Amino acid sequence: MHPSVDGLFQSAALAARRPVAVVMSGMGQDGAAGVAPLLARGGMVLVQEAASCVVAGMPGAAAAAARAAGMAVEAAAPAALGRRLARLLSTAPPPGPVAEAERKRP
């Protein structure tokens, strides 16, 4: 097994209309390089706050990368991140012909 969060975020930047990266407790920097293309697409970065992490490497690295790109980062405890993500998803436009057409665009 090898780190794959960077690849996931890069794919999300290509495929999602409003990508959101959520980085939870983890060791290392996986995800930090994938933040830039996601943010360039207008995405958002949510990270677990260091105080609630078992290991704060991944959320810290993702937050630092976002800040280096001049973007804001939201850091919170897991329950608060879940509520924030739920709010973001509840305001997403409903799927329909326009959404389907946008997904098929190159």
N, C-alpha and C. Protein backbone atom coordinates (compact mmCIF):
# COMPACT_ATOMS: atom_id res chain seq x y z
N MET A 1 0.84 -1.17 0.00
CA MET A 1 0.00 0.00 0.00
C MET A 1 0.90 1.25 0.00
N HIS A 2 0.43 2.29 -0.66
CA HIS A 2 1.20 3.53 -0.70
C HIS A 2 0.25 4.72 -0.58
N PRO A 3 0.76 5.89 -0.23
CA PRO A 3 -0.10 7.07 -0.08
C PRO A 3 -0.85 7.37 -1.37
N SER A 4 -2.09 7.76 -1.23
CA SER A 4 -2.90 8.01 -2.43
C SER A 4 -3.82 9.22 -2.32
N VAL A 5 -3.73 9.97 -1.24
CA VAL A 5 -4.62 11.12 -1.07
C VAL A 5 -4.33 12.20 -2.11
N ASP A 6 -3.05 12.40 -2.44
CA ASP A 6 -2.73 13.39 -3.48
C ASP A 6 -3.44 13.04 -4.78
N GLY A 7 -3.39 11.78 -5.17
CA GLY A 7 -4.07 11.34 -6.39
C GLY A 7 -5.57 11.52 -6.31
N LEU A 8 -6.14 11.24 -5.16
CA LEU A 8 -7.58 11.42 -4.96
C LEU A 8 -7.96 12.89 -5.14
N PHE A 9 -7.22 13.78 -4.50
CA PHE A 9 -7.53 15.21 -4.61
C PHE A 9 -7.33 15.71 -6.03
N GLN A 10 -6.30 15.24 -6.72
CA GLN A 10 -6.07 15.64 -8.11
C GLN A 10 -7.21 15.17 -9.00
N SER A 11 -7.70 13.96 -8.77
CA SER A 11 -8.84 13.45 -9.53
C SER A 11 -10.09 14.27 -9.24
N ALA A 12 -10.30 14.60 -7.97
CA ALA A 12 -11.46 15.41 -7.60
C ALA A 12 -11.41 16.78 -8.27
N ALA A 13 -10.21 17.33 -8.38
CA ALA A 13 -10.06 18.64 -9.04
C ALA A 13 -10.47 18.56 -10.50
N LEU A 14 -10.25 17.42 -11.12
CA LEU A 14 -10.62 17.25 -12.53
C LEU A 14 -12.09 16.92 -12.71
N ALA A 15 -12.66 16.17 -11.79
CA ALA A 15 -13.99 15.62 -12.00
C ALA A 15 -15.12 16.35 -11.29
N ALA A 16 -14.84 16.96 -10.15
CA ALA A 16 -15.92 17.55 -9.36
C ALA A 16 -16.17 19.01 -9.71
N ARG A 17 -17.40 19.40 -9.62
CA ARG A 17 -17.75 20.79 -9.89
C ARG A 17 -17.36 21.68 -8.72
N ARG A 18 -17.62 21.22 -7.50
CA ARG A 18 -17.28 21.96 -6.28
C ARG A 18 -16.52 21.02 -5.34
N PRO A 19 -15.25 20.75 -5.62
CA PRO A 19 -14.53 19.78 -4.81
C PRO A 19 -14.27 20.27 -3.39
N VAL A 20 -14.35 19.35 -2.45
CA VAL A 20 -14.07 19.63 -1.05
C VAL A 20 -13.10 18.55 -0.56
N ALA A 21 -11.96 18.98 -0.04
CA ALA A 21 -10.99 18.06 0.55
C ALA A 21 -11.21 18.03 2.05
N VAL A 22 -11.29 16.84 2.62
CA VAL A 22 -11.40 16.67 4.06
C VAL A 22 -10.23 15.81 4.49
N VAL A 23 -9.36 16.37 5.33
CA VAL A 23 -8.16 15.65 5.76
C VAL A 23 -8.25 15.43 7.26
N MET A 24 -8.25 14.16 7.62
CA MET A 24 -8.36 13.79 9.03
C MET A 24 -6.98 13.33 9.53
N SER A 25 -6.92 13.00 10.79
CA SER A 25 -5.70 12.56 11.46
C SER A 25 -4.90 11.57 10.61
N GLY A 26 -3.61 11.78 10.51
CA GLY A 26 -2.75 10.88 9.75
C GLY A 26 -1.32 11.34 9.77
N MET A 27 -0.43 10.40 9.49
CA MET A 27 1.00 10.68 9.53
C MET A 27 1.51 11.02 8.13
N GLY A 28 2.40 11.97 8.05
CA GLY A 28 3.03 12.30 6.78
C GLY A 28 2.41 13.52 6.12
N GLN A 29 2.67 13.63 4.82
CA GLN A 29 2.22 14.81 4.07
C GLN A 29 1.31 14.46 2.91
N ASP A 30 0.85 13.22 2.83
CA ASP A 30 -0.02 12.83 1.73
C ASP A 30 -1.26 13.72 1.73
N GLY A 31 -1.58 14.28 0.60
CA GLY A 31 -2.70 15.19 0.47
C GLY A 31 -2.26 16.62 0.25
N ALA A 32 -1.09 16.98 0.74
CA ALA A 32 -0.63 18.37 0.62
C ALA A 32 -0.43 18.78 -0.84
N ALA A 33 0.16 17.93 -1.64
CA ALA A 33 0.39 18.28 -3.06
C ALA A 33 -0.92 18.30 -3.85
N GLY A 34 -1.89 17.52 -3.44
CA GLY A 34 -3.17 17.48 -4.14
C GLY A 34 -4.08 18.65 -3.84
N VAL A 35 -3.74 19.42 -2.82
CA VAL A 35 -4.57 20.57 -2.44
C VAL A 35 -4.52 21.67 -3.50
N ALA A 36 -3.36 21.92 -4.08
CA ALA A 36 -3.22 23.03 -5.04
C ALA A 36 -4.16 22.91 -6.24
N PRO A 37 -4.19 21.77 -6.95
CA PRO A 37 -5.11 21.69 -8.09
C PRO A 37 -6.58 21.77 -7.67
N LEU A 38 -6.88 21.25 -6.49
CA LEU A 38 -8.24 21.31 -5.99
C LEU A 38 -8.65 22.75 -5.72
N LEU A 39 -7.76 23.51 -5.10
CA LEU A 39 -8.05 24.92 -4.81
C LEU A 39 -8.12 25.73 -6.09
N ALA A 40 -7.28 25.41 -7.07
CA ALA A 40 -7.30 26.12 -8.35
C ALA A 40 -8.64 25.96 -9.05
N ARG A 41 -9.32 24.87 -8.75
CA ARG A 41 -10.64 24.60 -9.34
C ARG A 41 -11.76 25.25 -8.52
N GLY A 42 -11.40 25.98 -7.45
CA GLY A 42 -12.40 26.62 -6.62
C GLY A 42 -12.86 25.75 -5.46
N GLY A 43 -12.08 24.73 -5.15
CA GLY A 43 -12.44 23.82 -4.07
C GLY A 43 -12.19 24.40 -2.70
N MET A 44 -12.48 23.59 -1.71
CA MET A 44 -12.37 23.99 -0.32
C MET A 44 -11.60 22.92 0.44
N VAL A 45 -10.88 23.34 1.48
CA VAL A 45 -10.12 22.40 2.30
C VAL A 45 -10.61 22.47 3.74
N LEU A 46 -11.02 21.32 4.26
CA LEU A 46 -11.42 21.17 5.66
C LEU A 46 -10.42 20.22 6.31
N VAL A 47 -9.88 20.59 7.45
CA VAL A 47 -8.92 19.71 8.12
C VAL A 47 -9.31 19.52 9.59
N GLN A 48 -8.91 18.38 10.11
CA GLN A 48 -9.12 18.10 11.52
C GLN A 48 -8.15 18.95 12.33
N GLU A 49 -8.66 19.60 13.37
CA GLU A 49 -7.80 20.44 14.21
C GLU A 49 -6.77 19.56 14.91
N ALA A 50 -5.58 20.12 15.10
CA ALA A 50 -4.47 19.36 15.68
C ALA A 50 -4.80 18.81 17.06
N ALA A 51 -5.54 19.55 17.87
CA ALA A 51 -5.83 19.12 19.23
C ALA A 51 -6.63 17.82 19.29
N SER A 52 -7.39 17.52 18.25
CA SER A 52 -8.21 16.31 18.27
C SER A 52 -7.59 15.17 17.45
N CYS A 53 -6.42 15.40 16.85
CA CYS A 53 -5.75 14.38 16.03
C CYS A 53 -4.91 13.43 16.88
N VAL A 54 -4.87 12.19 16.47
CA VAL A 54 -3.89 11.26 17.05
C VAL A 54 -2.52 11.64 16.49
N VAL A 55 -2.47 11.88 15.18
CA VAL A 55 -1.27 12.34 14.49
C VAL A 55 -1.71 13.47 13.56
N ALA A 56 -1.12 14.64 13.72
CA ALA A 56 -1.59 15.82 12.98
C ALA A 56 -0.79 16.12 11.72
N GLY A 57 0.02 15.19 11.24
CA GLY A 57 0.87 15.45 10.08
C GLY A 57 0.09 15.78 8.81
N MET A 58 -0.83 14.90 8.42
CA MET A 58 -1.56 15.12 7.17
C MET A 58 -2.44 16.37 7.20
N PRO A 59 -3.26 16.57 8.24
CA PRO A 59 -4.06 17.80 8.23
C PRO A 59 -3.20 19.06 8.29
N GLY A 60 -2.10 19.00 9.04
CA GLY A 60 -1.21 20.16 9.12
C GLY A 60 -0.56 20.48 7.79
N ALA A 61 -0.11 19.43 7.08
CA ALA A 61 0.53 19.63 5.78
C ALA A 61 -0.46 20.16 4.74
N ALA A 62 -1.69 19.64 4.75
CA ALA A 62 -2.71 20.12 3.81
C ALA A 62 -3.07 21.57 4.11
N ALA A 63 -3.20 21.91 5.39
CA ALA A 63 -3.52 23.29 5.76
C ALA A 63 -2.39 24.23 5.35
N ALA A 64 -1.16 23.82 5.57
CA ALA A 64 -0.01 24.66 5.20
C ALA A 64 0.03 24.88 3.69
N ALA A 65 -0.25 23.82 2.91
CA ALA A 65 -0.25 23.95 1.45
C ALA A 65 -1.35 24.90 0.99
N ALA A 66 -2.51 24.81 1.60
CA ALA A 66 -3.61 25.71 1.22
C ALA A 66 -3.27 27.15 1.58
N ARG A 67 -2.72 27.34 2.76
CA ARG A 67 -2.35 28.71 3.17
C ARG A 67 -1.25 29.27 2.27
N ALA A 68 -0.30 28.42 1.87
CA ALA A 68 0.77 28.86 0.96
C ALA A 68 0.20 29.30 -0.38
N ALA A 69 -0.93 28.72 -0.77
CA ALA A 69 -1.60 29.10 -2.01
C ALA A 69 -2.51 30.31 -1.81
N GLY A 70 -2.51 30.86 -0.59
CA GLY A 70 -3.32 32.04 -0.30
C GLY A 70 -4.78 31.73 -0.05
N MET A 71 -5.09 30.49 0.27
CA MET A 71 -6.47 30.08 0.48
C MET A 71 -6.74 29.86 1.96
N ALA A 72 -7.97 30.07 2.35
CA ALA A 72 -8.39 29.83 3.73
C ALA A 72 -8.62 28.34 3.94
N VAL A 73 -8.40 27.92 5.15
CA VAL A 73 -8.60 26.53 5.55
C VAL A 73 -9.51 26.52 6.76
N GLU A 74 -10.45 25.60 6.79
CA GLU A 74 -11.30 25.44 7.95
C GLU A 74 -10.79 24.26 8.76
N ALA A 75 -10.45 24.50 10.02
CA ALA A 75 -9.98 23.44 10.92
C ALA A 75 -10.96 23.30 12.06
N ALA A 76 -11.34 22.05 12.37
CA ALA A 76 -12.30 21.82 13.43
C ALA A 76 -12.19 20.38 13.90
N ALA A 77 -12.88 20.09 14.99
CA ALA A 77 -12.96 18.73 15.49
C ALA A 77 -13.81 17.89 14.52
N PRO A 78 -13.67 16.57 14.55
CA PRO A 78 -14.38 15.72 13.59
C PRO A 78 -15.89 15.96 13.52
N ALA A 79 -16.57 16.08 14.64
CA ALA A 79 -18.02 16.29 14.61
C ALA A 79 -18.38 17.59 13.91
N ALA A 80 -17.62 18.64 14.16
CA ALA A 80 -17.87 19.93 13.51
C ALA A 80 -17.58 19.85 12.02
N LEU A 81 -16.54 19.11 11.64
CA LEU A 81 -16.26 18.92 10.21
C LEU A 81 -17.41 18.20 9.53
N GLY A 82 -17.96 17.20 10.21
CA GLY A 82 -19.11 16.47 9.66
C GLY A 82 -20.30 17.38 9.45
N ARG A 83 -20.58 18.23 10.41
CA ARG A 83 -21.70 19.17 10.27
C ARG A 83 -21.45 20.15 9.12
N ARG A 84 -20.22 20.64 9.01
CA ARG A 84 -19.88 21.58 7.93
C ARG A 84 -20.05 20.91 6.57
N LEU A 85 -19.57 19.69 6.46
CA LEU A 85 -19.69 18.95 5.20
C LEU A 85 -21.16 18.70 4.87
N ALA A 86 -21.95 18.36 5.87
CA ALA A 86 -23.39 18.14 5.65
C ALA A 86 -24.05 19.42 5.14
N ARG A 87 -23.68 20.57 5.71
CA ARG A 87 -24.24 21.84 5.23
C ARG A 87 -23.84 22.11 3.79
N LEU A 88 -22.58 21.84 3.47
CA LEU A 88 -22.12 22.05 2.10
C LEU A 88 -22.89 21.16 1.12
N LEU A 89 -23.10 19.92 1.50
CA LEU A 89 -23.81 18.99 0.63
C LEU A 89 -25.29 19.34 0.50
N SER A 90 -25.87 19.89 1.54
CA SER A 90 -27.29 20.22 1.49
C SER A 90 -27.56 21.43 0.61
N THR A 91 -26.53 22.23 0.32
CA THR A 91 -26.71 23.39 -0.54
C THR A 91 -26.28 23.12 -1.98
N ALA A 92 -25.89 21.89 -2.25
CA ALA A 92 -25.49 21.53 -3.62
C ALA A 92 -26.71 21.56 -4.52
N PRO A 93 -26.55 21.99 -5.76
CA PRO A 93 -27.69 22.00 -6.68
C PRO A 93 -28.16 20.57 -6.94
N PRO A 94 -29.45 20.39 -7.10
CA PRO A 94 -29.95 19.04 -7.35
C PRO A 94 -29.47 18.51 -8.69
N PRO A 95 -29.28 17.20 -8.79
CA PRO A 95 -28.86 16.64 -10.09
C PRO A 95 -29.97 16.83 -11.11
N GLY A 96 -29.60 17.03 -12.30
CA GLY A 96 -30.58 17.22 -13.37
C GLY A 96 -29.86 17.31 -14.69
N PRO A 97 -30.56 17.69 -15.73
CA PRO A 97 -29.95 17.74 -17.06
C PRO A 97 -28.72 18.63 -17.14
N VAL A 98 -28.74 19.78 -16.45
CA VAL A 98 -27.59 20.67 -16.51
C VAL A 98 -26.39 20.02 -15.82
N ALA A 99 -26.64 19.43 -14.65
CA ALA A 99 -25.54 18.77 -13.92
C ALA A 99 -24.98 17.62 -14.73
N GLU A 100 -25.85 16.85 -15.36
CA GLU A 100 -25.39 15.72 -16.19
C GLU A 100 -24.56 16.22 -17.38
N ALA A 101 -24.99 17.30 -18.02
CA ALA A 101 -24.26 17.84 -19.16
C ALA A 101 -22.89 18.35 -18.73
N GLU A 102 -22.81 18.98 -17.56
CA GLU A 102 -21.53 19.48 -17.07
C GLU A 102 -20.57 18.34 -16.77
N ARG A 103 -21.09 17.22 -16.24
CA ARG A 103 -20.22 16.08 -15.94
C ARG A 103 -19.64 15.48 -17.20
N LYS A 104 -20.34 15.58 -18.30
CA LYS A 104 -19.88 14.97 -19.56
C LYS A 104 -18.93 15.87 -20.33
N ARG A 105 -18.79 17.12 -19.90
CA ARG A 105 -17.88 18.05 -20.57
C ARG A 105 -16.45 17.61 -20.38
N PRO A 106 -15.62 17.75 -21.43
CA PRO A 106 -14.19 17.37 -21.27
C PRO A 106 -13.45 18.30 -20.36
